[in-house]
């Protein structure tokens, strides 16, 4: 439970700070909305992926981590193909920000899974 809470705090801080920095680069209202929506989606998926990774046995951590990576890839693909256009989101800001949030959380995840 401590690992999940630690990951939630780190993921929230990383996602929010990265989103704030990205809104400097992409500063139109539509781009900012796309970035913050991507941040919310990323946080939920990151928590689900980390939860899956913590549920697998200790000797199969890489399987859980791989499942989390697949969840992130599917989310990014569905977001790009199904939701970006109907929600009238700027594709570049929405997809680059979501990919960046996923990348950063993927870097942190193994540090907490190793404990």
Protein backbone atom coordinates (compact mmCIF):
# COMPACT_ATOMS: atom_id res chain seq x y z
CA UNK A 1 0.00 0.00 0.00
CA UNK A 2 2.88 2.36 0.77
CA UNK A 3 4.31 1.78 -2.69
CA UNK A 4 0.99 2.64 -4.34
CA UNK A 5 0.66 5.84 -2.31
CA UNK A 6 4.26 6.80 -3.04
CA UNK A 7 3.73 6.18 -6.74
CA UNK A 8 0.49 8.19 -6.68
CA UNK A 9 2.27 11.15 -5.10
CA UNK A 10 5.23 10.98 -7.49
CA UNK A 11 3.03 10.45 -10.55
CA UNK A 12 0.74 13.33 -9.59
CA UNK A 13 3.66 15.69 -9.00
CA UNK A 14 5.44 14.67 -12.21
CA UNK A 15 2.29 14.87 -14.29
CA UNK A 16 1.15 18.22 -12.91
CA UNK A 17 4.57 19.87 -13.15
CA UNK A 18 5.13 18.57 -16.67
CA UNK A 19 1.66 19.73 -17.71
CA UNK A 20 2.37 23.19 -16.30
CA UNK A 21 5.62 23.38 -18.26
CA UNK A 22 3.91 22.17 -21.44
CA UNK A 23 1.29 24.90 -21.19
CA UNK A 24 4.11 27.40 -21.59
CA UNK A 25 4.96 25.90 -24.99
CA UNK A 26 1.36 25.24 -26.06
CA UNK A 27 -0.50 28.22 -24.69
CA UNK A 28 -3.79 28.50 -26.57
CA UNK A 29 -6.89 27.60 -24.54
CA UNK A 30 -7.57 24.52 -26.69
CA UNK A 31 -4.00 23.28 -26.29
CA UNK A 32 -4.07 23.84 -22.54
CA UNK A 33 -7.36 21.94 -22.29
CA UNK A 34 -5.84 19.08 -24.30
CA UNK A 35 -2.78 18.96 -22.03
CA UNK A 36 -4.77 18.91 -18.79
CA UNK A 37 -7.20 16.33 -20.16
CA UNK A 38 -4.22 14.18 -21.19
CA UNK A 39 -2.75 14.65 -17.71
CA UNK A 40 -5.95 13.39 -16.07
CA UNK A 41 -6.15 10.39 -18.39
CA UNK A 42 -2.48 9.62 -17.87
CA UNK A 43 -2.76 9.72 -14.09
CA UNK A 44 -5.70 7.29 -14.05
CA UNK A 45 -4.00 4.86 -16.45
CA UNK A 46 -0.69 5.14 -14.58
CA UNK A 47 -2.37 4.19 -11.33
CA UNK A 48 -4.16 1.24 -12.94
CA UNK A 49 -0.93 0.07 -14.58
CA UNK A 50 1.02 0.35 -11.33
CA UNK A 51 -1.75 -1.51 -9.51
CA UNK A 52 -1.52 -4.35 -12.02
CA UNK A 53 2.26 -4.43 -11.66
CA UNK A 54 2.04 -4.68 -7.88
CA UNK A 55 -0.49 -7.52 -8.01
CA UNK A 56 1.77 -9.97 -9.83
CA UNK A 57 4.09 -12.28 -7.92
CA UNK A 58 7.53 -10.99 -6.99
CA UNK A 59 9.26 -13.32 -9.45
CA UNK A 60 7.11 -12.03 -12.34
CA UNK A 61 7.40 -8.27 -11.89
CA UNK A 62 8.47 -7.81 -15.50
CA UNK A 63 5.17 -9.37 -16.62
CA UNK A 64 3.22 -6.82 -14.59
CA UNK A 65 5.38 -4.00 -15.87
CA UNK A 66 4.86 -5.22 -19.44
CA UNK A 67 1.09 -5.32 -18.95
CA UNK A 68 1.24 -1.73 -17.73
CA UNK A 69 3.21 -0.73 -20.82
CA UNK A 70 0.60 -2.40 -23.04
CA UNK A 71 -2.17 -0.55 -21.17
CA UNK A 72 -0.39 2.75 -21.84
CA UNK A 73 0.10 1.96 -25.53
CA UNK A 74 -3.54 0.95 -26.00
CA UNK A 75 -4.70 4.09 -24.18
CA UNK A 76 -2.54 6.33 -26.37
CA UNK A 77 -3.78 4.59 -29.53
CA UNK A 78 -7.46 4.77 -28.58
CA UNK A 79 -7.08 8.39 -27.49
CA UNK A 80 -5.49 9.26 -30.84
CA UNK A 81 -7.86 7.30 -33.05
CA UNK A 82 -11.17 7.72 -31.24
CA UNK A 83 -11.22 10.74 -28.92
CA UNK A 84 -8.92 13.53 -30.16
CA UNK A 85 -10.92 14.53 -33.23
CA UNK A 86 -14.46 14.32 -31.76
CA UNK A 87 -13.38 16.34 -28.72
CA UNK A 88 -11.83 18.95 -31.02
CA UNK A 89 -8.44 18.68 -29.32
CA UNK A 90 -5.24 19.86 -30.97
CA UNK A 91 -3.67 16.51 -31.83
CA UNK A 92 -0.05 17.52 -31.28
CA UNK A 93 -0.56 18.93 -27.80
CA UNK A 94 -2.88 16.11 -26.74
CA UNK A 95 -0.77 13.21 -27.97
CA UNK A 96 2.70 14.54 -27.19
CA UNK A 97 1.64 15.42 -23.66
CA UNK A 98 0.01 12.03 -23.04
CA UNK A 99 3.08 10.22 -24.39
CA UNK A 100 5.35 12.37 -22.21
CA UNK A 101 3.31 11.69 -19.06
CA UNK A 102 3.41 7.96 -19.77
CA UNK A 103 7.14 8.05 -20.46
CA UNK A 104 7.96 9.83 -17.22
CA UNK A 105 5.85 7.50 -15.11
CA UNK A 106 7.43 4.50 -16.81
CA UNK A 107 10.84 5.77 -15.69
CA UNK A 108 9.72 6.01 -12.06
CA UNK A 109 7.72 2.80 -11.88
CA UNK A 110 10.66 0.31 -11.67
CA UNK A 111 12.15 2.21 -8.73
CA UNK A 112 9.07 1.48 -6.65
CA UNK A 113 8.48 -2.02 -7.98
CA UNK A 114 11.96 -3.14 -6.94
CA UNK A 115 11.22 -2.68 -3.23
